[in-house]
Amino acid sequence: MTVNMLRYKGYEGSVDCDFSDNLLTGRVLGVRCGLVYEAQTLIELQKAFHQTVDDYLAYCKNENISPEKPFSGNLNIRLGSERHQALAAYARKHGIKINDVIRSAIDRFVQE
């Protein structure tokens, strides 16, 4: 299985290849501040990604600002009224919250 994604401290980074410059590049995903990194080998790229995330977190701490988190845990989805009603009925029938139904369904769907 090939994975073109780096993961570190809750952040994800892309892996891109520039054959003309013989260079690997990437950017931290899910943050708006444009964090990029580059290297010539995959091992160096992973180290550069880690260093970029660490530098970003240190900068935020130094400036006393909250770092952006790519995944807050909150998700706004549009179900449509019929699906929403069916979901609420299912949750009521089983004595659980709608969020618990959704989490359970997602857990079953995305099992690795």
PDB file of N, CA and C in Angstrom:
ATOM      1  N   MET A   1       0.839  -1.169   0.000  1.00  0.00           N
ATOM      2  CA  MET A   1       0.000   0.000   0.000  1.00  0.00           C
ATOM      3  C   MET A   1       0.893   1.246   0.000  1.00  0.00           C
ATOM      4  N   THR A   2       0.616   2.177  -0.876  1.00  0.00           N
ATOM      5  CA  THR A   2       1.365   3.415  -0.947  1.00  0.00           C
ATOM      6  C   THR A   2       0.565   4.526  -0.295  1.00  0.00           C
ATOM      7  N   VAL A   3       1.201   5.232   0.617  1.00  0.00           N
ATOM      8  CA  VAL A   3       0.553   6.349   1.302  1.00  0.00           C
ATOM      9  C   VAL A   3       1.366   7.603   1.017  1.00  0.00           C
ATOM     10  N   ASN A   4       0.742   8.589   0.399  1.00  0.00           N
ATOM     11  CA  ASN A   4       1.439   9.829   0.084  1.00  0.00           C
ATOM     12  C   ASN A   4       1.073  10.912   1.080  1.00  0.00           C
ATOM     13  N   MET A   5       1.168  10.568   2.353  1.00  0.00           N
ATOM     14  CA  MET A   5       0.779  11.486   3.410  1.00  0.00           C
ATOM     15  C   MET A   5       1.705  11.266   4.596  1.00  0.00           C
ATOM     16  N   LEU A   6       2.152  12.354   5.191  1.00  0.00           N
ATOM     17  CA  LEU A   6       2.940  12.280   6.411  1.00  0.00           C
ATOM     18  C   LEU A   6       2.044  12.662   7.577  1.00  0.00           C
ATOM     19  N   ARG A   7       2.284  12.082   8.744  1.00  0.00           N
ATOM     20  CA  ARG A   7       1.492  12.397   9.938  1.00  0.00           C
ATOM     21  C   ARG A   7       2.427  12.639  11.115  1.00  0.00           C
ATOM     22  N   TYR A   8       2.098  13.697  11.887  1.00  0.00           N
ATOM     23  CA  TYR A   8       2.941  14.036  13.041  1.00  0.00           C
ATOM     24  C   TYR A   8       2.175  14.998  13.936  1.00  0.00           C
ATOM     25  N   LYS A   9       2.072  14.660  15.214  1.00  0.00           N
ATOM     26  CA  LYS A   9       1.432  15.515  16.224  1.00  0.00           C
ATOM     27  C   LYS A   9       0.044  16.011  15.807  1.00  0.00           C
ATOM     28  N   GLY A  10      -0.719  15.146  15.144  1.00  0.00           N
ATOM     29  CA  GLY A  10      -2.066  15.514  14.740  1.00  0.00           C
ATOM     30  C   GLY A  10      -2.145  16.268  13.424  1.00  0.00           C
ATOM     31  N   TYR A  11      -1.014  16.521  12.796  1.00  0.00           N
ATOM     32  CA  TYR A  11      -0.979  17.230  11.515  1.00  0.00           C
ATOM     33  C   TYR A  11      -0.677  16.243  10.395  1.00  0.00           C
ATOM     34  N   GLU A  12      -1.149  16.570   9.205  1.00  0.00           N
ATOM     35  CA  GLU A  12      -0.852  15.766   8.027  1.00  0.00           C
ATOM     36  C   GLU A  12      -0.119  16.631   7.021  1.00  0.00           C
ATOM     37  N   GLY A  13       0.777  15.993   6.284  1.00  0.00           N
ATOM     38  CA  GLY A  13       1.541  16.711   5.268  1.00  0.00           C
ATOM     39  C   GLY A  13       1.540  15.957   3.960  1.00  0.00           C
ATOM     40  N   SER A  14       1.563  16.705   2.874  1.00  0.00           N
ATOM     41  CA  SER A  14       1.573  16.097   1.544  1.00  0.00           C
ATOM     42  C   SER A  14       2.997  15.708   1.150  1.00  0.00           C
ATOM     43  N   VAL A  15       3.087  14.850   0.150  1.00  0.00           N
ATOM     44  CA  VAL A  15       4.365  14.452  -0.429  1.00  0.00           C
ATOM     45  C   VAL A  15       4.230  14.626  -1.939  1.00  0.00           C
ATOM     46  N   ASP A  16       5.020  15.525  -2.495  1.00  0.00           N
ATOM     47  CA  ASP A  16       4.984  15.783  -3.933  1.00  0.00           C
ATOM     48  C   ASP A  16       6.393  15.663  -4.490  1.00  0.00           C
ATOM     49  N   CYS A  17       6.473  15.284  -5.750  1.00  0.00           N
ATOM     50  CA  CYS A  17       7.761  15.062  -6.391  1.00  0.00           C
ATOM     51  C   CYS A  17       7.913  15.984  -7.591  1.00  0.00           C
ATOM     52  N   ASP A  18       9.046  16.692  -7.661  1.00  0.00           N
ATOM     53  CA  ASP A  18       9.368  17.556  -8.791  1.00  0.00           C
ATOM     54  C   ASP A  18      10.563  16.932  -9.510  1.00  0.00           C
ATOM     55  N   PHE A  19      10.291  16.223 -10.598  1.00  0.00           N
ATOM     56  CA  PHE A  19      11.360  15.518 -11.307  1.00  0.00           C
ATOM     57  C   PHE A  19      12.337  16.477 -11.975  1.00  0.00           C
ATOM     58  N   SER A  20      11.872  17.626 -12.408  1.00  0.00           N
ATOM     59  CA  SER A  20      12.763  18.567 -13.096  1.00  0.00           C
ATOM     60  C   SER A  20      13.840  19.112 -12.161  1.00  0.00           C
ATOM     61  N   ASP A  21      13.509  19.289 -10.886  1.00  0.00           N
ATOM     62  CA  ASP A  21      14.485  19.792  -9.910  1.00  0.00           C
ATOM     63  C   ASP A  21      15.021  18.691  -8.992  1.00  0.00           C
ATOM     64  N   ASN A  22      14.579  17.450  -9.217  1.00  0.00           N
ATOM     65  CA  ASN A  22      14.980  16.330  -8.370  1.00  0.00           C
ATOM     66  C   ASN A  22      14.746  16.663  -6.899  1.00  0.00           C
ATOM     67  N   LEU A  23      13.508  17.084  -6.606  1.00  0.00           N
ATOM     68  CA  LEU A  23      13.190  17.589  -5.284  1.00  0.00           C
ATOM     69  C   LEU A  23      11.845  17.050  -4.814  1.00  0.00           C
ATOM     70  N   LEU A  24      11.788  16.714  -3.539  1.00  0.00           N
ATOM     71  CA  LEU A  24      10.527  16.344  -2.891  1.00  0.00           C
ATOM     72  C   LEU A  24      10.038  17.559  -2.116  1.00  0.00           C
ATOM     73  N   THR A  25       8.763  17.826  -2.209  1.00  0.00           N
ATOM     74  CA  THR A  25       8.186  18.971  -1.501  1.00  0.00           C
ATOM     75  C   THR A  25       6.899  18.536  -0.822  1.00  0.00           C
ATOM     76  N   GLY A  26       6.417  19.375   0.056  1.00  0.00           N
ATOM     77  CA  GLY A  26       5.145  19.095   0.711  1.00  0.00           C
ATOM     78  C   GLY A  26       4.662  20.326   1.440  1.00  0.00           C
ATOM     79  N   ARG A  27       3.427  20.227   1.915  1.00  0.00           N
ATOM     80  CA  ARG A  27       2.863  21.303   2.717  1.00  0.00           C
ATOM     81  C   ARG A  27       2.013  20.685   3.815  1.00  0.00           C
ATOM     82  N   VAL A  28       1.944  21.391   4.931  1.00  0.00           N
ATOM     83  CA  VAL A  28       1.119  20.949   6.048  1.00  0.00           C
ATOM     84  C   VAL A  28      -0.325  21.227   5.658  1.00  0.00           C
ATOM     85  N   LEU A  29      -1.151  20.201   5.711  1.00  0.00           N
ATOM     86  CA  LEU A  29      -2.539  20.303   5.264  1.00  0.00           C
ATOM     87  C   LEU A  29      -3.453  20.748   6.393  1.00  0.00           C
ATOM     88  N   GLY A  30      -4.479  21.480   6.031  1.00  0.00           N
ATOM     89  CA  GLY A  30      -5.493  21.851   7.007  1.00  0.00           C
ATOM     90  C   GLY A  30      -5.180  23.101   7.806  1.00  0.00           C
ATOM     91  N   VAL A  31      -4.088  23.787   7.490  1.00  0.00           N
ATOM     92  CA  VAL A  31      -3.778  25.055   8.140  1.00  0.00           C
ATOM     93  C   VAL A  31      -3.634  26.115   7.049  1.00  0.00           C
ATOM     94  N   ARG A  32      -4.044  27.326   7.370  1.00  0.00           N
ATOM     95  CA  ARG A  32      -4.071  28.377   6.357  1.00  0.00           C
ATOM     96  C   ARG A  32      -2.768  29.142   6.218  1.00  0.00           C
ATOM     97  N   CYS A  33      -1.821  28.940   7.102  1.00  0.00           N
ATOM     98  CA  CYS A  33      -0.633  29.794   7.115  1.00  0.00           C
ATOM     99  C   CYS A  33       0.449  29.380   6.120  1.00  0.00           C
ATOM    100  N   GLY A  34       0.226  28.383   5.301  1.00  0.00           N
ATOM    101  CA  GLY A  34       1.152  28.042   4.224  1.00  0.00           C
ATOM    102  C   GLY A  34       2.466  27.441   4.666  1.00  0.00           C
ATOM    103  N   LEU A  35       2.421  26.404   5.471  1.00  0.00           N
ATOM    104  CA  LEU A  35       3.632  25.733   5.941  1.00  0.00           C
ATOM    105  C   LEU A  35       4.112  24.742   4.887  1.00  0.00           C
ATOM    106  N   VAL A  36       5.318  24.962   4.354  1.00  0.00           N
ATOM    107  CA  VAL A  36       5.878  24.104   3.314  1.00  0.00           C
ATOM    108  C   VAL A  36       7.239  23.576   3.748  1.00  0.00           C
ATOM    109  N   TYR A  37       7.674  22.488   3.113  1.00  0.00           N
ATOM    110  CA  TYR A  37       8.959  21.871   3.410  1.00  0.00           C
ATOM    111  C   TYR A  37       9.457  21.187   2.155  1.00  0.00           C
ATOM    112  N   GLU A  38      10.757  20.921   2.101  1.00  0.00           N
ATOM    113  CA  GLU A  38      11.340  20.249   0.934  1.00  0.00           C
ATOM    114  C   GLU A  38      12.574  19.466   1.345  1.00  0.00           C
ATOM    115  N   ALA A  39      12.935  18.502   0.492  1.00  0.00           N
ATOM    116  CA  ALA A  39      14.110  17.669   0.742  1.00  0.00           C
ATOM    117  C   ALA A  39      14.432  16.890  -0.527  1.00  0.00           C
ATOM    118  N   GLN A  40      15.536  16.155  -0.478  1.00  0.00           N
ATOM    119  CA  GLN A  40      15.920  15.355  -1.637  1.00  0.00           C
ATOM    120  C   GLN A  40      15.687  13.870  -1.442  1.00  0.00           C
ATOM    121  N   THR A  41      15.442  13.444  -0.194  1.00  0.00           N
ATOM    122  CA  THR A  41      15.113  12.037   0.058  1.00  0.00           C
ATOM    123  C   THR A  41      13.850  11.977   0.908  1.00  0.00           C
ATOM    124  N   LEU A  42      13.217  10.829   0.920  1.00  0.00           N
ATOM    125  CA  LEU A  42      12.006  10.663   1.719  1.00  0.00           C
ATOM    126  C   LEU A  42      12.288  10.801   3.210  1.00  0.00           C
ATOM    127  N   ILE A  43      13.411  10.262   3.648  1.00  0.00           N
ATOM    128  CA  ILE A  43      13.762  10.383   5.069  1.00  0.00           C
ATOM    129  C   ILE A  43      13.977  11.851   5.440  1.00  0.00           C
ATOM    130  N   GLU A  44      14.675  12.587   4.579  1.00  0.00           N
ATOM    131  CA  GLU A  44      14.877  14.020   4.829  1.00  0.00           C
ATOM    132  C   GLU A  44      13.558  14.788   4.781  1.00  0.00           C
ATOM    133  N   LEU A  45      12.657  14.378   3.883  1.00  0.00           N
ATOM    134  CA  LEU A  45      11.361  15.055   3.781  1.00  0.00           C
ATOM    135  C   LEU A  45      10.552  14.857   5.059  1.00  0.00           C
ATOM    136  N   GLN A  46      10.575  13.638   5.590  1.00  0.00           N
ATOM    137  CA  GLN A  46       9.865  13.381   6.838  1.00  0.00           C
ATOM    138  C   GLN A  46      10.450  14.223   7.973  1.00  0.00           C
ATOM    139  N   LYS A  47      11.770  14.310   8.040  1.00  0.00           N
ATOM    140  CA  LYS A  47      12.421  15.146   9.067  1.00  0.00           C
ATOM    141  C   LYS A  47      12.052  16.614   8.873  1.00  0.00           C
ATOM    142  N   ALA A  48      12.019  17.073   7.628  1.00  0.00           N
ATOM    143  CA  ALA A  48      11.672  18.470   7.340  1.00  0.00           C
ATOM    144  C   ALA A  48      10.223  18.753   7.727  1.00  0.00           C
ATOM    145  N   PHE A  49       9.335  17.795   7.486  1.00  0.00           N
ATOM    146  CA  PHE A  49       7.929  17.931   7.886  1.00  0.00           C
ATOM    147  C   PHE A  49       7.827  18.057   9.396  1.00  0.00           C
ATOM    148  N   HIS A  50       8.485  17.163  10.114  1.00  0.00           N
ATOM    149  CA  HIS A  50       8.478  17.209  11.582  1.00  0.00           C
ATOM    150  C   HIS A  50       9.019  18.549  12.081  1.00  0.00           C
ATOM    151  N   GLN A  51      10.133  18.987  11.494  1.00  0.00           N
ATOM    152  CA  GLN A  51      10.743  20.253  11.911  1.00  0.00           C
ATOM    153  C   GLN A  51       9.809  21.430  11.629  1.00  0.00           C
ATOM    154  N   THR A  52       9.111  21.392  10.506  1.00  0.00           N
ATOM    155  CA  THR A  52       8.171  22.463  10.157  1.00  0.00           C
ATOM    156  C   THR A  52       7.037  22.530  11.169  1.00  0.00           C
ATOM    157  N   VAL A  53       6.497  21.377  11.543  1.00  0.00           N
ATOM    158  CA  VAL A  53       5.422  21.341  12.541  1.00  0.00           C
ATOM    159  C   VAL A  53       5.955  21.823  13.886  1.00  0.00           C
ATOM    160  N   ASP A  54       7.114  21.327  14.288  1.00  0.00           N
ATOM    161  CA  ASP A  54       7.697  21.749  15.569  1.00  0.00           C
ATOM    162  C   ASP A  54       7.966  23.258  15.587  1.00  0.00           C
ATOM    163  N   ASP A  55       8.515  23.784  14.495  1.00  0.00           N
ATOM    164  CA  ASP A  55       8.781  25.225  14.413  1.00  0.00           C
ATOM    165  C   ASP A  55       7.484  26.027  14.496  1.00  0.00           C
ATOM    166  N   TYR A  56       6.448  25.540  13.819  1.00  0.00           N
ATOM    167  CA  TYR A  56       5.149  26.222  13.849  1.00  0.00           C
ATOM    168  C   TYR A  56       4.589  26.254  15.272  1.00  0.00           C
ATOM    169  N   LEU A  57       4.632  25.113  15.947  1.00  0.00           N
ATOM    170  CA  LEU A  57       4.109  25.051  17.311  1.00  0.00           C
ATOM    171  C   LEU A  57       4.928  25.926  18.262  1.00  0.00           C
ATOM    172  N   ALA A  58       6.249  25.944  18.076  1.00  0.00           N
ATOM    173  CA  ALA A  58       7.110  26.798  18.908  1.00  0.00           C
ATOM    174  C   ALA A  58       6.817  28.278  18.652  1.00  0.00           C
ATOM    175  N   TYR A  59       6.626  28.630  17.384  1.00  0.00           N
ATOM    176  CA  TYR A  59       6.289  30.018  17.040  1.00  0.00           C
ATOM    177  C   TYR A  59       4.983  30.433  17.708  1.00  0.00           C
ATOM    178  N   CYS A  60       3.978  29.567  17.613  1.00  0.00           N
ATOM    179  CA  CYS A  60       2.676  29.877  18.224  1.00  0.00           C
ATOM    180  C   CYS A  60       2.812  30.051  19.728  1.00  0.00           C
ATOM    181  N   LYS A  61       3.582  29.190  20.351  1.00  0.00           N
ATOM    182  CA  LYS A  61       3.786  29.287  21.801  1.00  0.00           C
ATOM    183  C   LYS A  61       4.508  30.583  22.146  1.00  0.00           C
ATOM    184  N   ASN A  62       5.536  30.892  21.375  1.00  0.00           N
ATOM    185  CA  ASN A  62       6.323  32.106  21.590  1.00  0.00           C
ATOM    186  C   ASN A  62       5.479  33.372  21.434  1.00  0.00           C
ATOM    187  N   GLU A  63       4.565  33.353  20.468  1.00  0.00           N
ATOM    188  CA  GLU A  63       3.721  34.513  20.184  1.00  0.00           C
ATOM    189  C   GLU A  63       2.427  34.505  21.000  1.00  0.00           C
ATOM    190  N   ASN A  64       2.281  33.452  21.825  1.00  0.00           N
ATOM    191  CA  ASN A  64       1.085  33.295  22.660  1.00  0.00           C
ATOM    192  C   ASN A  64      -0.213  33.277  21.834  1.00  0.00           C
ATOM    193  N   ILE A  65      -0.164  32.509  20.737  1.00  0.00           N
ATOM    194  CA  ILE A  65      -1.356  32.335  19.895  1.00  0.00           C
ATOM    195  C   ILE A  65      -1.677  30.844  19.810  1.00  0.00           C
ATOM    196  N   SER A  66      -2.914  30.545  19.566  1.00  0.00           N
ATOM    197  CA  SER A  66      -3.333  29.147  19.441  1.00  0.00           C
ATOM    198  C   SER A  66      -3.010  28.629  18.048  1.00  0.00           C
ATOM    199  N   PRO A  67      -2.293  27.517  17.955  1.00  0.00           N
ATOM    200  CA  PRO A  67      -2.015  26.959  16.631  1.00  0.00           C
ATOM    201  C   PRO A  67      -3.296  26.431  15.992  1.00  0.00           C
ATOM    202  N   GLU A  68      -3.356  26.550  14.684  1.00  0.00           N
ATOM    203  CA  GLU A  68      -4.496  25.971  13.980  1.00  0.00           C
ATOM    204  C   GLU A  68      -4.430  24.459  14.097  1.00  0.00           C
ATOM    205  N   LYS A  69      -5.565  23.856  14.306  1.00  0.00           N
ATOM    206  CA  LYS A  69      -5.663  22.402  14.325  1.00  0.00           C
ATOM    207  C   LYS A  69      -6.423  21.987  13.076  1.00  0.00           C
ATOM    208  N   PRO A  70      -5.860  21.083  12.287  1.00  0.00           N
ATOM    209  CA  PRO A  70      -6.519  20.708  11.039  1.00  0.00           C
ATOM    210  C   PRO A  70      -7.854  19.993  11.248  1.00  0.00           C
ATOM    211  N   PHE A  71      -8.014  19.310  12.361  1.00  0.00           N
ATOM    212  CA  PHE A  71      -9.251  18.591  12.618  1.00  0.00           C
ATOM    213  C   PHE A  71      -9.725  18.918  14.023  1.00  0.00           C
ATOM    214  N   SER A  72     -10.765  19.713  14.117  1.00  0.00           N
ATOM    215  CA  SER A  72     -11.248  20.176  15.415  1.00  0.00           C
ATOM    216  C   SER A  72     -12.096  19.130  16.126  1.00  0.00           C
ATOM    217  N   GLY A  73     -12.644  18.199  15.369  1.00  0.00           N
ATOM    218  CA  GLY A  73     -13.564  17.232  15.954  1.00  0.00           C
ATOM    219  C   GLY A  73     -15.012  17.625  15.740  1.00  0.00           C
ATOM    220  N   ASN A  74     -15.244  18.810  15.222  1.00  0.00           N
ATOM    221  CA  ASN A  74     -16.592  19.266  14.897  1.00  0.00           C
ATOM    222  C   ASN A  74     -16.780  19.193  13.399  1.00  0.00           C
ATOM    223  N   LEU A  75     -17.930  18.697  12.999  1.00  0.00           N
ATOM    224  CA  LEU A  75     -18.216  18.519  11.585  1.00  0.00           C
ATOM    225  C   LEU A  75     -19.666  18.885  11.318  1.00  0.00           C
ATOM    226  N   ASN A  76     -19.898  19.753  10.381  1.00  0.00           N
ATOM    227  CA  ASN A  76     -21.253  20.149  10.005  1.00  0.00           C
ATOM    228  C   ASN A  76     -21.624  19.402   8.733  1.00  0.00           C
ATOM    229  N   ILE A  77     -22.650  18.563   8.805  1.00  0.00           N
ATOM    230  CA  ILE A  77     -23.055  17.802   7.624  1.00  0.00           C
ATOM    231  C   ILE A  77     -24.508  18.105   7.276  1.00  0.00           C
ATOM    232  N   ARG A  78     -24.821  18.011   6.010  1.00  0.00           N
ATOM    233  CA  ARG A  78     -26.189  18.201   5.529  1.00  0.00           C
ATOM    234  C   ARG A  78     -26.772  16.833   5.211  1.00  0.00           C
ATOM    235  N   LEU A  79     -27.798  16.464   5.953  1.00  0.00           N
ATOM    236  CA  LEU A  79     -28.403  15.147   5.806  1.00  0.00           C
ATOM    237  C   LEU A  79     -29.651  15.154   4.941  1.00  0.00           C
ATOM    238  N   GLY A  80     -30.328  16.271   4.895  1.00  0.00           N
ATOM    239  CA  GLY A  80     -31.665  16.308   4.318  1.00  0.00           C
ATOM    240  C   GLY A  80     -32.654  15.994   5.425  1.00  0.00           C
ATOM    241  N   SER A  81     -33.852  16.540   5.326  1.00  0.00           N
ATOM    242  CA  SER A  81     -34.814  16.429   6.431  1.00  0.00           C
ATOM    243  C   SER A  81     -35.268  14.989   6.678  1.00  0.00           C
ATOM    244  N   GLU A  82     -35.465  14.199   5.626  1.00  0.00           N
ATOM    245  CA  GLU A  82     -35.933  12.817   5.818  1.00  0.00           C
ATOM    246  C   GLU A  82     -34.882  11.959   6.523  1.00  0.00           C
ATOM    247  N   ARG A  83     -33.636  12.100   6.110  1.00  0.00           N
ATOM    248  CA  ARG A  83     -32.562  11.319   6.744  1.00  0.00           C
ATOM    249  C   ARG A  83     -32.371  11.777   8.196  1.00  0.00           C
ATOM    250  N   HIS A  84     -32.469  13.077   8.442  1.00  0.00           N
ATOM    251  CA  HIS A  84     -32.335  13.614   9.795  1.00  0.00           C
ATOM    252  C   HIS A  84     -33.448  13.064  10.690  1.00  0.00           C
ATOM    253  N   GLN A  85     -34.657  13.041  10.161  1.00  0.00           N
ATOM    254  CA  GLN A  85     -35.798  12.524  10.923  1.00  0.00           C
ATOM    255  C   GLN A  85     -35.613  11.033  11.226  1.00  0.00           C
ATOM    256  N   ALA A  86     -35.179  10.268  10.233  1.00  0.00           N
ATOM    257  CA  ALA A  86     -34.950   8.836  10.438  1.00  0.00           C
ATOM    258  C   ALA A  86     -33.845   8.599  11.463  1.00  0.00           C
ATOM    259  N   LEU A  87     -32.802   9.413  11.401  1.00  0.00           N
ATOM    260  CA  LEU A  87     -31.700   9.305  12.353  1.00  0.00           C
ATOM    261  C   LEU A  87     -32.173   9.592  13.773  1.00  0.00           C
ATOM    262  N   ALA A  88     -32.969  10.633  13.942  1.00  0.00           N
ATOM    263  CA  ALA A  88     -33.500  10.987  15.262  1.00  0.00           C
ATOM    264  C   ALA A  88     -34.401   9.873  15.797  1.00  0.00           C
ATOM    265  N   ALA A  89     -35.216   9.292  14.927  1.00  0.00           N
ATOM    266  CA  ALA A  89     -36.108   8.206  15.339  1.00  0.00           C
ATOM    267  C   ALA A  89     -35.286   6.987  15.783  1.00  0.00           C
ATOM    268  N   TYR A  90     -34.247   6.660  15.030  1.00  0.00           N
ATOM    269  CA  TYR A  90     -33.388   5.531  15.383  1.00  0.00           C
ATOM    270  C   TYR A  90     -32.739   5.759  16.748  1.00  0.00           C
ATOM    271  N   ALA A  91     -32.207   6.969  16.958  1.00  0.00           N
ATOM    272  CA  ALA A  91     -31.553   7.285  18.228  1.00  0.00           C
ATOM    273  C   ALA A  91     -32.533   7.192  19.391  1.00  0.00           C
ATOM    274  N   ARG A  92     -33.727   7.740  19.204  1.00  0.00           N
ATOM    275  CA  ARG A  92     -34.754   7.669  20.259  1.00  0.00           C
ATOM    276  C   ARG A  92     -35.105   6.219  20.575  1.00  0.00           C
ATOM    277  N   LYS A  93     -35.336   5.445  19.538  1.00  0.00           N
ATOM    278  CA  LYS A  93     -35.725   4.038  19.705  1.00  0.00           C
ATOM    279  C   LYS A  93     -34.672   3.262  20.501  1.00  0.00           C
ATOM    280  N   HIS A  94     -33.394   3.589  20.292  1.00  0.00           N
ATOM    281  CA  HIS A  94     -32.308   2.862  20.952  1.00  0.00           C
ATOM    282  C   HIS A  94     -31.786   3.569  22.206  1.00  0.00           C
ATOM    283  N   GLY A  95     -32.399   4.696  22.547  1.00  0.00           N
ATOM    284  CA  GLY A  95     -32.020   5.404  23.771  1.00  0.00           C
ATOM    285  C   GLY A  95     -30.621   5.978  23.751  1.00  0.00           C
ATOM    286  N   ILE A  96     -30.180   6.403  22.581  1.00  0.00           N
ATOM    287  CA  ILE A  96     -28.844   6.988  22.474  1.00  0.00           C
ATOM    288  C   ILE A  96     -28.933   8.336  21.758  1.00  0.00           C
ATOM    289  N   LYS A  97     -27.855   9.076  21.802  1.00  0.00           N
ATOM    290  CA  LYS A  97     -27.816  10.381  21.158  1.00  0.00           C
ATOM    291  C   LYS A  97     -27.507  10.238  19.673  1.00  0.00           C
ATOM    292  N   ILE A  98     -27.981  11.208  18.902  1.00  0.00           N
ATOM    293  CA  ILE A  98     -27.727  11.211  17.454  1.00  0.00           C
ATOM    294  C   ILE A  98     -26.229  11.167  17.168  1.00  0.00           C
ATOM    295  N   ASN A  99     -25.436  11.966  17.890  1.00  0.00           N
ATOM    296  CA  ASN A  99     -23.990  11.966  17.666  1.00  0.00           C
ATOM    297  C   ASN A  99     -23.389  10.584  17.861  1.00  0.00           C
ATOM    298  N   ASP A 100     -23.898   9.828  18.835  1.00  0.00           N
ATOM    299  CA  ASP A 100     -23.388   8.473  19.077  1.00  0.00           C
ATOM    300  C   ASP A 100     -23.719   7.538  17.916  1.00  0.00           C
ATOM    301  N   VAL A 101     -24.898   7.715  17.337  1.00  0.00           N
ATOM    302  CA  VAL A 101     -25.277   6.905  16.162  1.00  0.00           C
ATOM    303  C   VAL A 101     -24.323   7.211  15.011  1.00  0.00           C
ATOM    304  N   ILE A 102     -24.089   8.486  14.779  1.00  0.00           N
ATOM    305  CA  ILE A 102     -23.216   8.893  13.672  1.00  0.00           C
ATOM    306  C   ILE A 102     -21.793   8.395  13.903  1.00  0.00           C
ATOM    307  N   ARG A 103     -21.270   8.558  15.119  1.00  0.00           N
ATOM    308  CA  ARG A 103     -19.911   8.075  15.417  1.00  0.00           C
ATOM    309  C   ARG A 103     -19.798   6.571  15.176  1.00  0.00           C
ATOM    310  N   SER A 104     -20.793   5.839  15.642  1.00  0.00           N
ATOM    311  CA  SER A 104     -20.775   4.385  15.480  1.00  0.00           C
ATOM    312  C   SER A 104     -20.786   3.994  14.002  1.00  0.00           C
ATOM    313  N   ALA A 105     -21.631   4.664  13.225  1.00  0.00           N
ATOM    314  CA  ALA A 105     -21.706   4.367  11.791  1.00  0.00           C
ATOM    315  C   ALA A 105     -20.381   4.687  11.099  1.00  0.00           C
ATOM    316  N   ILE A 106     -19.785   5.818  11.448  1.00  0.00           N
ATOM    317  CA  ILE A 106     -18.508   6.199  10.841  1.00  0.00           C
ATOM    318  C   ILE A 106     -17.418   5.220  11.248  1.00  0.00           C
ATOM    319  N   ASP A 107     -17.401   4.822  12.518  1.00  0.00           N
ATOM    320  CA  ASP A 107     -16.401   3.854  12.969  1.00  0.00           C
ATOM    321  C   ASP A 107     -16.477   2.559  12.176  1.00  0.00           C
ATOM    322  N   ARG A 108     -17.684   2.091  11.911  1.00  0.00           N
ATOM    323  CA  ARG A 108     -17.836   0.860  11.120  1.00  0.00           C
ATOM    324  C   ARG A 108     -17.402   1.069   9.683  1.00  0.00           C
ATOM    325  N   PHE A 109     -17.646   2.243   9.156  1.00  0.00           N
ATOM    326  CA  PHE A 109     -17.341   2.522   7.745  1.00  0.00           C
ATOM    327  C   PHE A 109     -15.840   2.696   7.499  1.00  0.00           C
ATOM    328  N   VAL A 110     -15.135   3.325   8.426  1.00  0.00           N
ATOM    329  CA  VAL A 110     -13.732   3.659   8.184  1.00  0.00           C
ATOM    330  C   VAL A 110     -12.744   2.743   8.903  1.00  0.00           C
ATOM    331  N   GLN A 111     -13.189   1.599   9.379  1.00  0.00           N
ATOM    332  CA  GLN A 111     -12.270   0.670  10.035  1.00  0.00           C
ATOM    333  C   GLN A 111     -11.114   0.338   9.117  1.00  0.00           C
ATOM    334  N   GLU A 112      -9.908   0.340   9.698  1.00  0.00           N
ATOM    335  CA  GLU A 112      -8.700   0.025   8.898  1.00  0.00           C
ATOM    336  C   GLU A 112      -8.209  -1.334   9.222  1.00  0.00           C
TER     337      GLU A 112
END
